[in-house]
Amino acid sequence: MALNQKDLRIKKLWEKGIRSIGEIARKVGYGGAMEEGVRRVEEGLKRLGIKK
């Protein structure tokens, strides 16, 4: 499965110990649309197999 750059960034932040989905969304670059960003981070975590 090919991961996009934002998924790789989510994985890197998760491995650094950041568990707040809102904070990950902001750092990945979804800052202006936080609601949408949180949803996309959750989808990314599912694709990475971190969360179900």
PDB file of N, CA and C in Angstrom:
ATOM      1  N   MET A   1       0.845  -1.174   0.000  1.00  0.00           N
ATOM      2  CA  MET A   1       0.000   0.000   0.000  1.00  0.00           C
ATOM      3  C   MET A   1       0.891   1.237   0.000  1.00  0.00           C
ATOM      4  N   ALA A   2       0.640   2.127  -0.937  1.00  0.00           N
ATOM      5  CA  ALA A   2       1.407   3.359  -1.020  1.00  0.00           C
ATOM      6  C   ALA A   2       0.812   4.393  -0.070  1.00  0.00           C
ATOM      7  N   LEU A   3       1.656   4.987   0.727  1.00  0.00           N
ATOM      8  CA  LEU A   3       1.216   6.014   1.658  1.00  0.00           C
ATOM      9  C   LEU A   3       1.573   7.382   1.104  1.00  0.00           C
ATOM     10  N   ASN A   4       0.695   8.341   1.329  1.00  0.00           N
ATOM     11  CA  ASN A   4       1.020   9.688   0.886  1.00  0.00           C
ATOM     12  C   ASN A   4       1.883  10.388   1.938  1.00  0.00           C
ATOM     13  N   GLN A   5       2.366  11.564   1.600  1.00  0.00           N
ATOM     14  CA  GLN A   5       3.283  12.285   2.476  1.00  0.00           C
ATOM     15  C   GLN A   5       2.650  12.637   3.820  1.00  0.00           C
ATOM     16  N   LYS A   6       1.373  12.986   3.806  1.00  0.00           N
ATOM     17  CA  LYS A   6       0.728  13.344   5.072  1.00  0.00           C
ATOM     18  C   LYS A   6       0.578  12.126   5.973  1.00  0.00           C
ATOM     19  N   ASP A   7       0.315  10.954   5.382  1.00  0.00           N
ATOM     20  CA  ASP A   7       0.244   9.727   6.189  1.00  0.00           C
ATOM     21  C   ASP A   7       1.599   9.441   6.830  1.00  0.00           C
ATOM     22  N   LEU A   8       2.656   9.629   6.077  1.00  0.00           N
ATOM     23  CA  LEU A   8       3.996   9.412   6.626  1.00  0.00           C
ATOM     24  C   LEU A   8       4.296  10.399   7.750  1.00  0.00           C
ATOM     25  N   ARG A   9       3.833  11.638   7.591  1.00  0.00           N
ATOM     26  CA  ARG A   9       4.027  12.655   8.635  1.00  0.00           C
ATOM     27  C   ARG A   9       3.224  12.294   9.890  1.00  0.00           C
ATOM     28  N   ILE A  10       1.998  11.785   9.704  1.00  0.00           N
ATOM     29  CA  ILE A  10       1.170  11.351  10.832  1.00  0.00           C
ATOM     30  C   ILE A  10       1.884  10.241  11.585  1.00  0.00           C
ATOM     31  N   LYS A  11       2.417   9.273  10.851  1.00  0.00           N
ATOM     32  CA  LYS A  11       3.124   8.152  11.470  1.00  0.00           C
ATOM     33  C   LYS A  11       4.330   8.640  12.269  1.00  0.00           C
ATOM     34  N   LYS A  12       5.077   9.574  11.699  1.00  0.00           N
ATOM     35  CA  LYS A  12       6.263  10.112  12.367  1.00  0.00           C
ATOM     36  C   LYS A  12       5.885  10.819  13.670  1.00  0.00           C
ATOM     37  N   LEU A  13       4.832  11.634  13.625  1.00  0.00           N
ATOM     38  CA  LEU A  13       4.387  12.339  14.823  1.00  0.00           C
ATOM     39  C   LEU A  13       3.873  11.360  15.876  1.00  0.00           C
ATOM     40  N   TRP A  14       3.148  10.320  15.446  1.00  0.00           N
ATOM     41  CA  TRP A  14       2.625   9.307  16.372  1.00  0.00           C
ATOM     42  C   TRP A  14       3.777   8.609  17.069  1.00  0.00           C
ATOM     43  N   GLU A  15       4.817   8.266  16.291  1.00  0.00           N
ATOM     44  CA  GLU A  15       5.977   7.586  16.863  1.00  0.00           C
ATOM     45  C   GLU A  15       6.751   8.483  17.825  1.00  0.00           C
ATOM     46  N   LYS A  16       6.666   9.801  17.632  1.00  0.00           N
ATOM     47  CA  LYS A  16       7.318  10.739  18.550  1.00  0.00           C
ATOM     48  C   LYS A  16       6.543  10.878  19.855  1.00  0.00           C
ATOM     49  N   GLY A  17       5.334  10.308  19.908  1.00  0.00           N
ATOM     50  CA  GLY A  17       4.572  10.329  21.146  1.00  0.00           C
ATOM     51  C   GLY A  17       3.415  11.306  21.170  1.00  0.00           C
ATOM     52  N   ILE A  18       3.136  11.962  20.062  1.00  0.00           N
ATOM     53  CA  ILE A  18       2.006  12.898  20.011  1.00  0.00           C
ATOM     54  C   ILE A  18       0.743  12.087  19.763  1.00  0.00           C
ATOM     55  N   ARG A  19      -0.180  12.106  20.721  1.00  0.00           N
ATOM     56  CA  ARG A  19      -1.394  11.303  20.636  1.00  0.00           C
ATOM     57  C   ARG A  19      -2.651  12.143  20.423  1.00  0.00           C
ATOM     58  N   SER A  20      -2.537  13.457  20.515  1.00  0.00           N
ATOM     59  CA  SER A  20      -3.683  14.335  20.297  1.00  0.00           C
ATOM     60  C   SER A  20      -3.942  14.466  18.798  1.00  0.00           C
ATOM     61  N   ILE A  21      -5.105  14.003  18.367  1.00  0.00           N
ATOM     62  CA  ILE A  21      -5.426  14.026  16.941  1.00  0.00           C
ATOM     63  C   ILE A  21      -5.508  15.461  16.436  1.00  0.00           C
ATOM     64  N   GLY A  22      -6.027  16.371  17.261  1.00  0.00           N
ATOM     65  CA  GLY A  22      -6.088  17.779  16.870  1.00  0.00           C
ATOM     66  C   GLY A  22      -4.709  18.376  16.672  1.00  0.00           C
ATOM     67  N   GLU A  23      -3.787  18.035  17.542  1.00  0.00           N
ATOM     68  CA  GLU A  23      -2.422  18.544  17.426  1.00  0.00           C
ATOM     69  C   GLU A  23      -1.733  17.965  16.193  1.00  0.00           C
ATOM     70  N   ILE A  24      -1.941  16.684  15.931  1.00  0.00           N
ATOM     71  CA  ILE A  24      -1.372  16.068  14.730  1.00  0.00           C
ATOM     72  C   ILE A  24      -1.938  16.750  13.486  1.00  0.00           C
ATOM     73  N   ALA A  25      -3.241  16.985  13.460  1.00  0.00           N
ATOM     74  CA  ALA A  25      -3.885  17.633  12.311  1.00  0.00           C
ATOM     75  C   ALA A  25      -3.281  19.008  12.056  1.00  0.00           C
ATOM     76  N   ARG A  26      -3.045  19.754  13.125  1.00  0.00           N
ATOM     77  CA  ARG A  26      -2.470  21.088  12.984  1.00  0.00           C
ATOM     78  C   ARG A  26      -1.042  21.011  12.440  1.00  0.00           C
ATOM     79  N   LYS A  27      -0.245  20.089  12.963  1.00  0.00           N
ATOM     80  CA  LYS A  27       1.153  19.970  12.562  1.00  0.00           C
ATOM     81  C   LYS A  27       1.309  19.420  11.146  1.00  0.00           C
ATOM     82  N   VAL A  28       0.362  18.589  10.714  1.00  0.00           N
ATOM     83  CA  VAL A  28       0.430  18.028   9.368  1.00  0.00           C
ATOM     84  C   VAL A  28       0.039  19.070   8.330  1.00  0.00           C
ATOM     85  N   GLY A  29      -0.783  20.020   8.711  1.00  0.00           N
ATOM     86  CA  GLY A  29      -1.139  21.082   7.784  1.00  0.00           C
ATOM     87  C   GLY A  29      -2.619  21.224   7.519  1.00  0.00           C
ATOM     88  N   TYR A  30      -3.447  20.670   8.378  1.00  0.00           N
ATOM     89  CA  TYR A  30      -4.886  20.801   8.238  1.00  0.00           C
ATOM     90  C   TYR A  30      -5.425  21.900   9.155  1.00  0.00           C
ATOM     91  N   GLY A  31      -4.620  22.847   9.517  1.00  0.00           N
ATOM     92  CA  GLY A  31      -4.952  23.851  10.520  1.00  0.00           C
ATOM     93  C   GLY A  31      -6.193  24.673  10.263  1.00  0.00           C
ATOM     94  N   GLY A  32      -6.430  25.081   9.021  1.00  0.00           N
ATOM     95  CA  GLY A  32      -7.562  25.951   8.737  1.00  0.00           C
ATOM     96  C   GLY A  32      -8.901  25.247   8.821  1.00  0.00           C
ATOM     97  N   ALA A  33      -8.905  23.952   8.593  1.00  0.00           N
ATOM     98  CA  ALA A  33     -10.145  23.179   8.607  1.00  0.00           C
ATOM     99  C   ALA A  33      -9.999  22.060   9.623  1.00  0.00           C
ATOM    100  N   MET A  34     -10.059  22.405  10.899  1.00  0.00           N
ATOM    101  CA  MET A  34      -9.756  21.432  11.944  1.00  0.00           C
ATOM    102  C   MET A  34     -10.702  20.237  11.944  1.00  0.00           C
ATOM    103  N   GLU A  35     -11.988  20.470  11.713  1.00  0.00           N
ATOM    104  CA  GLU A  35     -12.927  19.356  11.726  1.00  0.00           C
ATOM    105  C   GLU A  35     -12.580  18.349  10.634  1.00  0.00           C
ATOM    106  N   GLU A  36     -12.347  18.854   9.445  1.00  0.00           N
ATOM    107  CA  GLU A  36     -11.953  18.006   8.325  1.00  0.00           C
ATOM    108  C   GLU A  36     -10.579  17.392   8.576  1.00  0.00           C
ATOM    109  N   GLY A  37      -9.685  18.158   9.157  1.00  0.00           N
ATOM    110  CA  GLY A  37      -8.341  17.673   9.451  1.00  0.00           C
ATOM    111  C   GLY A  37      -8.340  16.517  10.432  1.00  0.00           C
ATOM    112  N   VAL A  38      -9.152  16.608  11.466  1.00  0.00           N
ATOM    113  CA  VAL A  38      -9.244  15.537  12.459  1.00  0.00           C
ATOM    114  C   VAL A  38      -9.763  14.270  11.790  1.00  0.00           C
ATOM    115  N   ARG A  39     -10.760  14.414  10.916  1.00  0.00           N
ATOM    116  CA  ARG A  39     -11.300  13.254  10.210  1.00  0.00           C
ATOM    117  C   ARG A  39     -10.231  12.618   9.327  1.00  0.00           C
ATOM    118  N   ARG A  40      -9.455  13.453   8.630  1.00  0.00           N
ATOM    119  CA  ARG A  40      -8.412  12.922   7.747  1.00  0.00           C
ATOM    120  C   ARG A  40      -7.288  12.264   8.534  1.00  0.00           C
ATOM    121  N   VAL A  41      -6.954  12.808   9.700  1.00  0.00           N
ATOM    122  CA  VAL A  41      -5.926  12.178  10.540  1.00  0.00           C
ATOM    123  C   VAL A  41      -6.425  10.823  11.020  1.00  0.00           C
ATOM    124  N   GLU A  42      -7.688  10.748  11.431  1.00  0.00           N
ATOM    125  CA  GLU A  42      -8.252   9.467  11.870  1.00  0.00           C
ATOM    126  C   GLU A  42      -8.218   8.450  10.738  1.00  0.00           C
ATOM    127  N   GLU A  43      -8.536   8.883   9.510  1.00  0.00           N
ATOM    128  CA  GLU A  43      -8.464   7.983   8.354  1.00  0.00           C
ATOM    129  C   GLU A  43      -7.022   7.540   8.116  1.00  0.00           C
ATOM    130  N   GLY A  44      -6.090   8.468   8.256  1.00  0.00           N
ATOM    131  CA  GLY A  44      -4.682   8.133   8.083  1.00  0.00           C
ATOM    132  C   GLY A  44      -4.205   7.122   9.107  1.00  0.00           C
ATOM    133  N   LEU A  45      -4.641   7.273  10.349  1.00  0.00           N
ATOM    134  CA  LEU A  45      -4.266   6.320  11.399  1.00  0.00           C
ATOM    135  C   LEU A  45      -4.833   4.935  11.095  1.00  0.00           C
ATOM    136  N   LYS A  46      -6.041   4.888  10.541  1.00  0.00           N
ATOM    137  CA  LYS A  46      -6.620   3.602  10.154  1.00  0.00           C
ATOM    138  C   LYS A  46      -5.812   2.965   9.035  1.00  0.00           C
ATOM    139  N   ARG A  47      -5.430   3.762   8.019  1.00  0.00           N
ATOM    140  CA  ARG A  47      -4.636   3.239   6.902  1.00  0.00           C
ATOM    141  C   ARG A  47      -3.289   2.717   7.384  1.00  0.00           C
ATOM    142  N   LEU A  48      -2.732   3.369   8.392  1.00  0.00           N
ATOM    143  CA  LEU A  48      -1.444   2.952   8.929  1.00  0.00           C
ATOM    144  C   LEU A  48      -1.568   1.739   9.856  1.00  0.00           C
ATOM    145  N   GLY A  49      -2.802   1.401  10.227  1.00  0.00           N
ATOM    146  CA  GLY A  49      -3.023   0.259  11.113  1.00  0.00           C
ATOM    147  C   GLY A  49      -2.793   0.581  12.580  1.00  0.00           C
ATOM    148  N   ILE A  50      -2.795   1.861  12.912  1.00  0.00           N
ATOM    149  CA  ILE A  50      -2.546   2.279  14.302  1.00  0.00           C
ATOM    150  C   ILE A  50      -3.845   2.268  15.098  1.00  0.00           C
ATOM    151  N   LYS A  51      -4.922   2.732  14.507  1.00  0.00           N
ATOM    152  CA  LYS A  51      -6.227   2.764  15.184  1.00  0.00           C
ATOM    153  C   LYS A  51      -7.251   2.041  14.336  1.00  0.00           C
ATOM    154  N   LYS A  52      -8.244   1.481  15.020  1.00  0.00           N
ATOM    155  CA  LYS A  52      -9.320   0.793  14.296  1.00  0.00           C
ATOM    156  C   LYS A  52     -10.553   1.626  14.250  1.00  0.00           C
TER     157      LYS A  52
END
